[in-house]
Amino acid sequence: MRKKLESLLLDALDDYKTLNIVNINVQKLTTEMDSMIIATGTSTRHVKSASSSLVEYAKKQKFEIFGLEGENSGEWILIDFGDVVVNVMLAETRELYNLEKLWIKPKN
């Protein structure tokens, strides 16, 4: 079920023209989620519209949304699908918080 959700979300983010889409498997790092998807929007309007469209599309596909944060500012919107968490961010916000560095486990 998670793989189907991931695939649906990744395809939708691509369709909504978000940039630099990354899917990180975090199963070995946390029990809160299995994967984190990060995507960049080109403006606050784009971040808001891509996130809103993603929520509506997922609901139509019968996936549950457990949480939605940041939709007012549009700099960083987090959508919690349970096993999968999606972050749609402005480039500046993404660079500042650098979630990839925090969540990608270094190879020894």
PDB file of N, CA and C in Angstrom:
ATOM      1  N   MET A   1       0.818  -1.200   0.000  1.00  0.00           N
ATOM      2  CA  MET A   1       0.000   0.000   0.000  1.00  0.00           C
ATOM      3  C   MET A   1       0.865   1.269   0.000  1.00  0.00           C
ATOM      4  N   ARG A   2       1.979   1.237   0.800  1.00  0.00           N
ATOM      5  CA  ARG A   2       2.861   2.405   0.860  1.00  0.00           C
ATOM      6  C   ARG A   2       3.478   2.695  -0.502  1.00  0.00           C
ATOM      7  N   LYS A   3       3.917   1.650  -1.195  1.00  0.00           N
ATOM      8  CA  LYS A   3       4.546   1.839  -2.511  1.00  0.00           C
ATOM      9  C   LYS A   3       3.571   2.470  -3.501  1.00  0.00           C
ATOM     10  N   LYS A   4       2.309   2.045  -3.442  1.00  0.00           N
ATOM     11  CA  LYS A   4       1.295   2.618  -4.317  1.00  0.00           C
ATOM     12  C   LYS A   4       1.100   4.100  -4.001  1.00  0.00           C
ATOM     13  N   LEU A   5       1.041   4.431  -2.703  1.00  0.00           N
ATOM     14  CA  LEU A   5       0.885   5.827  -2.287  1.00  0.00           C
ATOM     15  C   LEU A   5       2.090   6.652  -2.724  1.00  0.00           C
ATOM     16  N   GLU A   6       3.292   6.129  -2.496  1.00  0.00           N
ATOM     17  CA  GLU A   6       4.502   6.846  -2.914  1.00  0.00           C
ATOM     18  C   GLU A   6       4.485   7.129  -4.413  1.00  0.00           C
ATOM     19  N   SER A   7       4.174   6.122  -5.185  1.00  0.00           N
ATOM     20  CA  SER A   7       4.143   6.273  -6.636  1.00  0.00           C
ATOM     21  C   SER A   7       3.119   7.321  -7.063  1.00  0.00           C
ATOM     22  N   LEU A   8       1.946   7.272  -6.471  1.00  0.00           N
ATOM     23  CA  LEU A   8       0.892   8.234  -6.773  1.00  0.00           C
ATOM     24  C   LEU A   8       1.351   9.650  -6.433  1.00  0.00           C
ATOM     25  N   LEU A   9       1.949   9.825  -5.257  1.00  0.00           N
ATOM     26  CA  LEU A   9       2.395  11.153  -4.816  1.00  0.00           C
ATOM     27  C   LEU A   9       3.533  11.677  -5.677  1.00  0.00           C
ATOM     28  N   LEU A  10       4.495  10.824  -5.994  1.00  0.00           N
ATOM     29  CA  LEU A  10       5.625  11.250  -6.833  1.00  0.00           C
ATOM     30  C   LEU A  10       5.157  11.660  -8.224  1.00  0.00           C
ATOM     31  N   ASP A  11       4.267  10.866  -8.814  1.00  0.00           N
ATOM     32  CA  ASP A  11       3.735  11.208 -10.137  1.00  0.00           C
ATOM     33  C   ASP A  11       2.954  12.513 -10.099  1.00  0.00           C
ATOM     34  N   ALA A  12       2.145  12.686  -9.050  1.00  0.00           N
ATOM     35  CA  ALA A  12       1.341  13.909  -8.938  1.00  0.00           C
ATOM     36  C   ALA A  12       2.240  15.132  -8.765  1.00  0.00           C
ATOM     37  N   LEU A  13       3.249  15.039  -7.922  1.00  0.00           N
ATOM     38  CA  LEU A  13       4.165  16.175  -7.733  1.00  0.00           C
ATOM     39  C   LEU A  13       4.865  16.532  -9.042  1.00  0.00           C
ATOM     40  N   ASP A  14       5.211  15.534  -9.824  1.00  0.00           N
ATOM     41  CA  ASP A  14       5.799  15.779 -11.139  1.00  0.00           C
ATOM     42  C   ASP A  14       4.788  16.462 -12.056  1.00  0.00           C
ATOM     43  N   ASP A  15       3.559  15.974 -12.044  1.00  0.00           N
ATOM     44  CA  ASP A  15       2.497  16.588 -12.858  1.00  0.00           C
ATOM     45  C   ASP A  15       2.242  18.038 -12.470  1.00  0.00           C
ATOM     46  N   TYR A  16       2.392  18.353 -11.179  1.00  0.00           N
ATOM     47  CA  TYR A  16       2.165  19.716 -10.685  1.00  0.00           C
ATOM     48  C   TYR A  16       3.385  20.604 -10.855  1.00  0.00           C
ATOM     49  N   LYS A  17       4.385  20.090 -11.558  1.00  0.00           N
ATOM     50  CA  LYS A  17       5.589  20.840 -11.937  1.00  0.00           C
ATOM     51  C   LYS A  17       6.455  21.273 -10.756  1.00  0.00           C
ATOM     52  N   THR A  18       6.423  20.488  -9.650  1.00  0.00           N
ATOM     53  CA  THR A  18       7.374  20.777  -8.578  1.00  0.00           C
ATOM     54  C   THR A  18       8.752  20.299  -9.023  1.00  0.00           C
ATOM     55  N   LEU A  19       9.773  20.816  -8.388  1.00  0.00           N
ATOM     56  CA  LEU A  19      11.151  20.568  -8.817  1.00  0.00           C
ATOM     57  C   LEU A  19      11.905  19.735  -7.787  1.00  0.00           C
ATOM     58  N   ASN A  20      12.981  19.103  -8.239  1.00  0.00           N
ATOM     59  CA  ASN A  20      13.912  18.394  -7.356  1.00  0.00           C
ATOM     60  C   ASN A  20      13.202  17.467  -6.374  1.00  0.00           C
ATOM     61  N   ILE A  21      12.351  16.614  -6.893  1.00  0.00           N
ATOM     62  CA  ILE A  21      11.574  15.694  -6.063  1.00  0.00           C
ATOM     63  C   ILE A  21      12.487  14.567  -5.577  1.00  0.00           C
ATOM     64  N   VAL A  22      12.485  14.366  -4.253  1.00  0.00           N
ATOM     65  CA  VAL A  22      13.320  13.341  -3.633  1.00  0.00           C
ATOM     66  C   VAL A  22      12.438  12.481  -2.736  1.00  0.00           C
ATOM     67  N   ASN A  23      12.645  11.176  -2.788  1.00  0.00           N
ATOM     68  CA  ASN A  23      11.941  10.236  -1.913  1.00  0.00           C
ATOM     69  C   ASN A  23      12.988   9.544  -1.051  1.00  0.00           C
ATOM     70  N   ILE A  24      12.903   9.748   0.268  1.00  0.00           N
ATOM     71  CA  ILE A  24      13.896   9.215   1.194  1.00  0.00           C
ATOM     72  C   ILE A  24      13.263   8.123   2.048  1.00  0.00           C
ATOM     73  N   ASN A  25      13.860   6.940   2.042  1.00  0.00           N
ATOM     74  CA  ASN A  25      13.418   5.855   2.909  1.00  0.00           C
ATOM     75  C   ASN A  25      14.010   6.111   4.298  1.00  0.00           C
ATOM     76  N   VAL A  26      13.127   6.317   5.295  1.00  0.00           N
ATOM     77  CA  VAL A  26      13.580   6.627   6.653  1.00  0.00           C
ATOM     78  C   VAL A  26      13.198   5.530   7.657  1.00  0.00           C
ATOM     79  N   GLN A  27      12.850   4.364   7.164  1.00  0.00           N
ATOM     80  CA  GLN A  27      12.402   3.269   8.025  1.00  0.00           C
ATOM     81  C   GLN A  27      13.422   2.904   9.103  1.00  0.00           C
ATOM     82  N   LYS A  28      14.693   2.978   8.787  1.00  0.00           N
ATOM     83  CA  LYS A  28      15.723   2.597   9.760  1.00  0.00           C
ATOM     84  C   LYS A  28      16.074   3.740  10.709  1.00  0.00           C
ATOM     85  N   LEU A  29      15.515   4.929  10.457  1.00  0.00           N
ATOM     86  CA  LEU A  29      15.851   6.096  11.272  1.00  0.00           C
ATOM     87  C   LEU A  29      14.745   6.520  12.228  1.00  0.00           C
ATOM     88  N   THR A  30      13.504   6.117  11.964  1.00  0.00           N
ATOM     89  CA  THR A  30      12.377   6.530  12.790  1.00  0.00           C
ATOM     90  C   THR A  30      11.240   5.524  12.670  1.00  0.00           C
ATOM     91  N   THR A  31      10.391   5.506  13.672  1.00  0.00           N
ATOM     92  CA  THR A  31       9.192   4.666  13.617  1.00  0.00           C
ATOM     93  C   THR A  31       7.961   5.502  13.256  1.00  0.00           C
ATOM     94  N   GLU A  32       8.143   6.800  13.083  1.00  0.00           N
ATOM     95  CA  GLU A  32       7.038   7.715  12.800  1.00  0.00           C
ATOM     96  C   GLU A  32       6.518   7.609  11.365  1.00  0.00           C
ATOM     97  N   MET A  33       7.401   7.245  10.449  1.00  0.00           N
ATOM     98  CA  MET A  33       7.042   7.166   9.032  1.00  0.00           C
ATOM     99  C   MET A  33       8.014   6.235   8.344  1.00  0.00           C
ATOM    100  N   ASP A  34       7.642   5.822   7.135  1.00  0.00           N
ATOM    101  CA  ASP A  34       8.526   4.963   6.345  1.00  0.00           C
ATOM    102  C   ASP A  34       9.306   5.746   5.300  1.00  0.00           C
ATOM    103  N   SER A  35       8.683   6.793   4.765  1.00  0.00           N
ATOM    104  CA  SER A  35       9.382   7.578   3.758  1.00  0.00           C
ATOM    105  C   SER A  35       8.984   9.044   3.832  1.00  0.00           C
ATOM    106  N   MET A  36       9.914   9.864   3.367  1.00  0.00           N
ATOM    107  CA  MET A  36       9.702  11.304   3.318  1.00  0.00           C
ATOM    108  C   MET A  36       9.958  11.763   1.889  1.00  0.00           C
ATOM    109  N   ILE A  37       8.989  12.476   1.352  1.00  0.00           N
ATOM    110  CA  ILE A  37       9.115  13.030   0.004  1.00  0.00           C
ATOM    111  C   ILE A  37       9.301  14.534   0.153  1.00  0.00           C
ATOM    112  N   ILE A  38      10.282  15.064  -0.563  1.00  0.00           N
ATOM    113  CA  ILE A  38      10.559  16.503  -0.535  1.00  0.00           C
ATOM    114  C   ILE A  38      10.500  17.015  -1.966  1.00  0.00           C
ATOM    115  N   ALA A  39       9.824  18.151  -2.152  1.00  0.00           N
ATOM    116  CA  ALA A  39       9.720  18.763  -3.477  1.00  0.00           C
ATOM    117  C   ALA A  39       9.788  20.278  -3.329  1.00  0.00           C
ATOM    118  N   THR A  40      10.226  20.935  -4.371  1.00  0.00           N
ATOM    119  CA  THR A  40      10.367  22.387  -4.353  1.00  0.00           C
ATOM    120  C   THR A  40       9.321  23.035  -5.250  1.00  0.00           C
ATOM    121  N   GLY A  41       8.692  24.072  -4.709  1.00  0.00           N
ATOM    122  CA  GLY A  41       7.777  24.900  -5.487  1.00  0.00           C
ATOM    123  C   GLY A  41       8.480  26.190  -5.878  1.00  0.00           C
ATOM    124  N   THR A  42       8.036  26.808  -6.949  1.00  0.00           N
ATOM    125  CA  THR A  42       8.717  27.987  -7.476  1.00  0.00           C
ATOM    126  C   THR A  42       8.267  29.301  -6.837  1.00  0.00           C
ATOM    127  N   SER A  43       7.162  29.283  -6.114  1.00  0.00           N
ATOM    128  CA  SER A  43       6.638  30.471  -5.433  1.00  0.00           C
ATOM    129  C   SER A  43       5.695  29.994  -4.337  1.00  0.00           C
ATOM    130  N   THR A  44       5.302  30.901  -3.446  1.00  0.00           N
ATOM    131  CA  THR A  44       4.355  30.492  -2.402  1.00  0.00           C
ATOM    132  C   THR A  44       3.041  30.039  -3.031  1.00  0.00           C
ATOM    133  N   ARG A  45       2.631  30.688  -4.086  1.00  0.00           N
ATOM    134  CA  ARG A  45       1.395  30.279  -4.783  1.00  0.00           C
ATOM    135  C   ARG A  45       1.534  28.867  -5.334  1.00  0.00           C
ATOM    136  N   HIS A  46       2.696  28.557  -5.915  1.00  0.00           N
ATOM    137  CA  HIS A  46       2.926  27.222  -6.469  1.00  0.00           C
ATOM    138  C   HIS A  46       2.962  26.173  -5.361  1.00  0.00           C
ATOM    139  N   VAL A  47       3.645  26.459  -4.247  1.00  0.00           N
ATOM    140  CA  VAL A  47       3.695  25.531  -3.111  1.00  0.00           C
ATOM    141  C   VAL A  47       2.283  25.251  -2.616  1.00  0.00           C
ATOM    142  N   LYS A  48       1.483  26.304  -2.458  1.00  0.00           N
ATOM    143  CA  LYS A  48       0.104  26.153  -1.966  1.00  0.00           C
ATOM    144  C   LYS A  48      -0.760  25.364  -2.948  1.00  0.00           C
ATOM    145  N   SER A  49      -0.682  25.696  -4.219  1.00  0.00           N
ATOM    146  CA  SER A  49      -1.551  25.030  -5.197  1.00  0.00           C
ATOM    147  C   SER A  49      -1.142  23.574  -5.400  1.00  0.00           C
ATOM    148  N   ALA A  50       0.166  23.307  -5.448  1.00  0.00           N
ATOM    149  CA  ALA A  50       0.620  21.917  -5.610  1.00  0.00           C
ATOM    150  C   ALA A  50       0.198  21.084  -4.407  1.00  0.00           C
ATOM    151  N   SER A  51       0.351  21.634  -3.216  1.00  0.00           N
ATOM    152  CA  SER A  51      -0.027  20.913  -1.996  1.00  0.00           C
ATOM    153  C   SER A  51      -1.525  20.675  -1.930  1.00  0.00           C
ATOM    154  N   SER A  52      -2.286  21.695  -2.234  1.00  0.00           N
ATOM    155  CA  SER A  52      -3.750  21.574  -2.220  1.00  0.00           C
ATOM    156  C   SER A  52      -4.218  20.542  -3.247  1.00  0.00           C
ATOM    157  N   SER A  53      -3.658  20.602  -4.435  1.00  0.00           N
ATOM    158  CA  SER A  53      -4.015  19.637  -5.481  1.00  0.00           C
ATOM    159  C   SER A  53      -3.621  18.222  -5.077  1.00  0.00           C
ATOM    160  N   LEU A  54      -2.468  18.084  -4.423  1.00  0.00           N
ATOM    161  CA  LEU A  54      -2.005  16.774  -3.976  1.00  0.00           C
ATOM    162  C   LEU A  54      -2.959  16.185  -2.938  1.00  0.00           C
ATOM    163  N   VAL A  55      -3.411  17.001  -2.002  1.00  0.00           N
ATOM    164  CA  VAL A  55      -4.354  16.547  -0.972  1.00  0.00           C
ATOM    165  C   VAL A  55      -5.663  16.097  -1.614  1.00  0.00           C
ATOM    166  N   GLU A  56      -6.198  16.900  -2.499  1.00  0.00           N
ATOM    167  CA  GLU A  56      -7.470  16.551  -3.159  1.00  0.00           C
ATOM    168  C   GLU A  56      -7.339  15.279  -3.987  1.00  0.00           C
ATOM    169  N   TYR A  57      -6.248  15.164  -4.723  1.00  0.00           N
ATOM    170  CA  TYR A  57      -6.026  13.982  -5.555  1.00  0.00           C
ATOM    171  C   TYR A  57      -5.906  12.728  -4.690  1.00  0.00           C
ATOM    172  N   ALA A  58      -5.152  12.817  -3.602  1.00  0.00           N
ATOM    173  CA  ALA A  58      -4.978  11.661  -2.705  1.00  0.00           C
ATOM    174  C   ALA A  58      -6.305  11.258  -2.070  1.00  0.00           C
ATOM    175  N   LYS A  59      -7.097  12.237  -1.691  1.00  0.00           N
ATOM    176  CA  LYS A  59      -8.410  11.936  -1.109  1.00  0.00           C
ATOM    177  C   LYS A  59      -9.300  11.218  -2.125  1.00  0.00           C
ATOM    178  N   LYS A  60      -9.262  11.655  -3.367  1.00  0.00           N
ATOM    179  CA  LYS A  60     -10.051  10.995  -4.412  1.00  0.00           C
ATOM    180  C   LYS A  60      -9.608   9.553  -4.623  1.00  0.00           C
ATOM    181  N   GLN A  61      -8.324   9.298  -4.359  1.00  0.00           N
ATOM    182  CA  GLN A  61      -7.790   7.938  -4.481  1.00  0.00           C
ATOM    183  C   GLN A  61      -7.995   7.133  -3.196  1.00  0.00           C
ATOM    184  N   LYS A  62      -8.721   7.721  -2.249  1.00  0.00           N
ATOM    185  CA  LYS A  62      -9.094   7.064  -0.976  1.00  0.00           C
ATOM    186  C   LYS A  62      -7.933   6.922   0.013  1.00  0.00           C
ATOM    187  N   PHE A  63      -6.923   7.794  -0.085  1.00  0.00           N
ATOM    188  CA  PHE A  63      -5.855   7.817   0.900  1.00  0.00           C
ATOM    189  C   PHE A  63      -6.189   8.847   1.967  1.00  0.00           C
ATOM    190  N   GLU A  64      -5.900   8.516   3.204  1.00  0.00           N
ATOM    191  CA  GLU A  64      -6.226   9.383   4.330  1.00  0.00           C
ATOM    192  C   GLU A  64      -5.090  10.375   4.584  1.00  0.00           C
ATOM    193  N   ILE A  65      -5.472  11.614   4.914  1.00  0.00           N
ATOM    194  CA  ILE A  65      -4.513  12.642   5.295  1.00  0.00           C
ATOM    195  C   ILE A  65      -4.622  12.805   6.806  1.00  0.00           C
ATOM    196  N   PHE A  66      -3.500  12.616   7.506  1.00  0.00           N
ATOM    197  CA  PHE A  66      -3.490  12.684   8.963  1.00  0.00           C
ATOM    198  C   PHE A  66      -3.135  14.067   9.482  1.00  0.00           C
ATOM    199  N   GLY A  67      -2.508  14.878   8.655  1.00  0.00           N
ATOM    200  CA  GLY A  67      -2.136  16.215   9.094  1.00  0.00           C
ATOM    201  C   GLY A  67      -1.710  17.076   7.927  1.00  0.00           C
ATOM    202  N   LEU A  68      -1.894  18.374   8.116  1.00  0.00           N
ATOM    203  CA  LEU A  68      -1.524  19.356   7.097  1.00  0.00           C
ATOM    204  C   LEU A  68      -1.050  20.599   7.836  1.00  0.00           C
ATOM    205  N   GLU A  69       0.182  21.006   7.587  1.00  0.00           N
ATOM    206  CA  GLU A  69       0.766  22.149   8.284  1.00  0.00           C
ATOM    207  C   GLU A  69       1.386  23.123   7.292  1.00  0.00           C
ATOM    208  N   GLY A  70       1.272  24.416   7.580  1.00  0.00           N
ATOM    209  CA  GLY A  70       1.970  25.442   6.816  1.00  0.00           C
ATOM    210  C   GLY A  70       1.227  26.020   5.637  1.00  0.00           C
ATOM    211  N   GLU A  71      -0.043  25.639   5.464  1.00  0.00           N
ATOM    212  CA  GLU A  71      -0.748  26.094   4.262  1.00  0.00           C
ATOM    213  C   GLU A  71      -1.000  27.596   4.234  1.00  0.00           C
ATOM    214  N   ASN A  72      -0.944  28.271   5.371  1.00  0.00           N
ATOM    215  CA  ASN A  72      -1.159  29.722   5.389  1.00  0.00           C
ATOM    216  C   ASN A  72       0.017  30.488   4.805  1.00  0.00           C
ATOM    217  N   SER A  73       1.232  30.120   5.193  1.00  0.00           N
ATOM    218  CA  SER A  73       2.405  30.870   4.715  1.00  0.00           C
ATOM    219  C   SER A  73       2.817  30.447   3.311  1.00  0.00           C
ATOM    220  N   GLY A  74       2.752  29.158   3.033  1.00  0.00           N
ATOM    221  CA  GLY A  74       3.120  28.669   1.702  1.00  0.00           C
ATOM    222  C   GLY A  74       4.616  28.559   1.468  1.00  0.00           C
ATOM    223  N   GLU A  75       5.420  28.761   2.506  1.00  0.00           N
ATOM    224  CA  GLU A  75       6.867  28.582   2.356  1.00  0.00           C
ATOM    225  C   GLU A  75       7.259  27.116   2.492  1.00  0.00           C
ATOM    226  N   TRP A  76       6.516  26.387   3.343  1.00  0.00           N
ATOM    227  CA  TRP A  76       6.785  24.975   3.599  1.00  0.00           C
ATOM    228  C   TRP A  76       5.471  24.346   4.027  1.00  0.00           C
ATOM    229  N   ILE A  77       4.975  23.444   3.229  1.00  0.00           N
ATOM    230  CA  ILE A  77       3.748  22.746   3.573  1.00  0.00           C
ATOM    231  C   ILE A  77       4.075  21.269   3.764  1.00  0.00           C
ATOM    232  N   LEU A  78       3.684  20.764   4.919  1.00  0.00           N
ATOM    233  CA  LEU A  78       3.901  19.369   5.265  1.00  0.00           C
ATOM    234  C   LEU A  78       2.558  18.658   5.216  1.00  0.00           C
ATOM    235  N   ILE A  79       2.516  17.538   4.508  1.00  0.00           N
ATOM    236  CA  ILE A  79       1.303  16.731   4.395  1.00  0.00           C
ATOM    237  C   ILE A  79       1.640  15.344   4.931  1.00  0.00           C
ATOM    238  N   ASP A  80       0.919  14.936   5.980  1.00  0.00           N
ATOM    239  CA  ASP A  80       1.168  13.659   6.638  1.00  0.00           C
ATOM    240  C   ASP A  80       0.161  12.627   6.154  1.00  0.00           C
ATOM    241  N   PHE A  81       0.667  11.615   5.451  1.00  0.00           N
ATOM    242  CA  PHE A  81      -0.157  10.510   4.972  1.00  0.00           C
ATOM    243  C   PHE A  81       0.055   9.258   5.818  1.00  0.00           C
ATOM    244  N   GLY A  82       0.613   9.430   7.011  1.00  0.00           N
ATOM    245  CA  GLY A  82       0.889   8.285   7.877  1.00  0.00           C
ATOM    246  C   GLY A  82       2.260   7.714   7.592  1.00  0.00           C
ATOM    247  N   ASP A  83       2.333   6.703   6.751  1.00  0.00           N
ATOM    248  CA  ASP A  83       3.610   6.071   6.410  1.00  0.00           C
ATOM    249  C   ASP A  83       4.487   6.958   5.530  1.00  0.00           C
ATOM    250  N   VAL A  84       3.873   7.929   4.874  1.00  0.00           N
ATOM    251  CA  VAL A  84       4.589   8.822   3.970  1.00  0.00           C
ATOM    252  C   VAL A  84       4.294  10.267   4.376  1.00  0.00           C
ATOM    253  N   VAL A  85       5.356  11.077   4.489  1.00  0.00           N
ATOM    254  CA  VAL A  85       5.207  12.497   4.777  1.00  0.00           C
ATOM    255  C   VAL A  85       5.767  13.264   3.583  1.00  0.00           C
ATOM    256  N   VAL A  86       4.986  14.238   3.099  1.00  0.00           N
ATOM    257  CA  VAL A  86       5.393  15.045   1.954  1.00  0.00           C
ATOM    258  C   VAL A  86       5.685  16.462   2.431  1.00  0.00           C
ATOM    259  N   ASN A  87       6.821  17.005   2.005  1.00  0.00           N
ATOM    260  CA  ASN A  87       7.204  18.386   2.277  1.00  0.00           C
ATOM    261  C   ASN A  87       7.322  19.106   0.948  1.00  0.00           C
ATOM    262  N   VAL A  88       6.499  20.136   0.725  1.00  0.00           N
ATOM    263  CA  VAL A  88       6.607  20.972  -0.466  1.00  0.00           C
ATOM    264  C   VAL A  88       7.096  22.327   0.026  1.00  0.00           C
ATOM    265  N   MET A  89       8.240  22.763  -0.481  1.00  0.00           N
ATOM    266  CA  MET A  89       8.922  23.924   0.074  1.00  0.00           C
ATOM    267  C   MET A  89       9.409  24.872  -1.012  1.00  0.00           C
ATOM    268  N   LEU A  90       9.569  26.134  -0.616  1.00  0.00           N
ATOM    269  CA  LEU A  90      10.288  27.071  -1.470  1.00  0.00           C
ATOM    270  C   LEU A  90      11.759  26.671  -1.478  1.00  0.00           C
ATOM    271  N   ALA A  91      12.476  27.031  -2.533  1.00  0.00           N
ATOM    272  CA  ALA A  91      13.894  26.663  -2.653  1.00  0.00           C
ATOM    273  C   ALA A  91      14.707  27.213  -1.476  1.00  0.00           C
ATOM    274  N   GLU A  92      14.433  28.449  -1.074  1.00  0.00           N
ATOM    275  CA  GLU A  92      15.183  29.063   0.020  1.00  0.00           C
ATOM    276  C   GLU A  92      14.939  28.322   1.333  1.00  0.00           C
ATOM    277  N   THR A  93      13.713  27.933   1.571  1.00  0.00           N
ATOM    278  CA  THR A  93      13.352  27.212   2.787  1.00  0.00           C
ATOM    279  C   THR A  93      13.983  25.825   2.776  1.00  0.00           C
ATOM    280  N   ARG A  94      13.937  25.191   1.638  1.00  0.00           N
ATOM    281  CA  ARG A  94      14.525  23.847   1.519  1.00  0.00           C
ATOM    282  C   ARG A  94      16.021  23.907   1.765  1.00  0.00           C
ATOM    283  N   GLU A  95      16.670  24.908   1.224  1.00  0.00           N
ATOM    284  CA  GLU A  95      18.111  25.051   1.410  1.00  0.00           C
ATOM    285  C   GLU A  95      18.443  25.342   2.886  1.00  0.00           C
ATOM    286  N   LEU A  96      17.655  26.168   3.530  1.00  0.00           N
ATOM    287  CA  LEU A  96      17.890  26.529   4.925  1.00  0.00           C
ATOM    288  C   LEU A  96      17.786  25.323   5.857  1.00  0.00           C
ATOM    289  N   TYR A  97      16.717  24.529   5.704  1.00  0.00           N
ATOM    290  CA  TYR A  97      16.489  23.406   6.607  1.00  0.00           C
ATOM    291  C   TYR A  97      17.202  22.124   6.185  1.00  0.00           C
ATOM    292  N   ASN A  98      17.531  21.996   4.919  1.00  0.00           N
ATOM    293  CA  ASN A  98      18.322  20.896   4.381  1.00  0.00           C
ATOM    294  C   ASN A  98      17.898  19.533   4.936  1.00  0.00           C
ATOM    295  N   LEU A  99      16.625  19.193   4.737  1.00  0.00           N
ATOM    296  CA  LEU A  99      16.088  17.933   5.261  1.00  0.00           C
ATOM    297  C   LEU A  99      16.813  16.705   4.716  1.00  0.00           C
ATOM    298  N   GLU A 100      17.290  16.794   3.492  1.00  0.00           N
ATOM    299  CA  GLU A 100      18.013  15.656   2.925  1.00  0.00           C
ATOM    300  C   GLU A 100      19.225  15.307   3.790  1.00  0.00           C
ATOM    301  N   LYS A 101      19.954  16.315   4.214  1.00  0.00           N
ATOM    302  CA  LYS A 101      21.139  16.072   5.040  1.00  0.00           C
ATOM    303  C   LYS A 101      20.747  15.462   6.383  1.00  0.00           C
ATOM    304  N   LEU A 102      19.617  15.894   6.927  1.00  0.00           N
ATOM    305  CA  LEU A 102      19.171  15.371   8.217  1.00  0.00           C
ATOM    306  C   LEU A 102      18.691  13.928   8.127  1.00  0.00           C
ATOM    307  N   TRP A 103      18.067  13.554   6.998  1.00  0.00           N
ATOM    308  CA  TRP A 103      17.381  12.262   6.923  1.00  0.00           C
ATOM    309  C   TRP A 103      18.089  11.210   6.096  1.00  0.00           C
ATOM    310  N   ILE A 104      18.994  11.597   5.230  1.00  0.00           N
ATOM    311  CA  ILE A 104      19.685  10.585   4.436  1.00  0.00           C
ATOM    312  C   ILE A 104      20.850  10.054   5.265  1.00  0.00           C
ATOM    313  N   LYS A 105      20.799   8.757   5.510  1.00  0.00           N
ATOM    314  CA  LYS A 105      21.807   8.110   6.340  1.00  0.00           C
ATOM    315  C   LYS A 105      23.111   8.021   5.549  1.00  0.00           C
ATOM    316  N   PRO A 106      24.203   8.550   6.130  1.00  0.00           N
ATOM    317  CA  PRO A 106      25.479   8.457   5.414  1.00  0.00           C
ATOM    318  C   PRO A 106      25.927   7.006   5.269  1.00  0.00           C
ATOM    319  N   LYS A 107      26.566   6.729   4.138  1.00  0.00           N
ATOM    320  CA  LYS A 107      27.081   5.383   3.891  1.00  0.00           C
ATOM    321  C   LYS A 107      28.457   5.274   4.529  1.00  0.00           C
ATOM    322  N   ASN A 108      28.676   4.223   5.277  1.00  0.00           N
ATOM    323  CA  ASN A 108      29.972   4.035   5.960  1.00  0.00           C
ATOM    324  C   ASN A 108      30.970   3.340   5.079  1.00  0.00           C
TER     325      ASN A 108
END
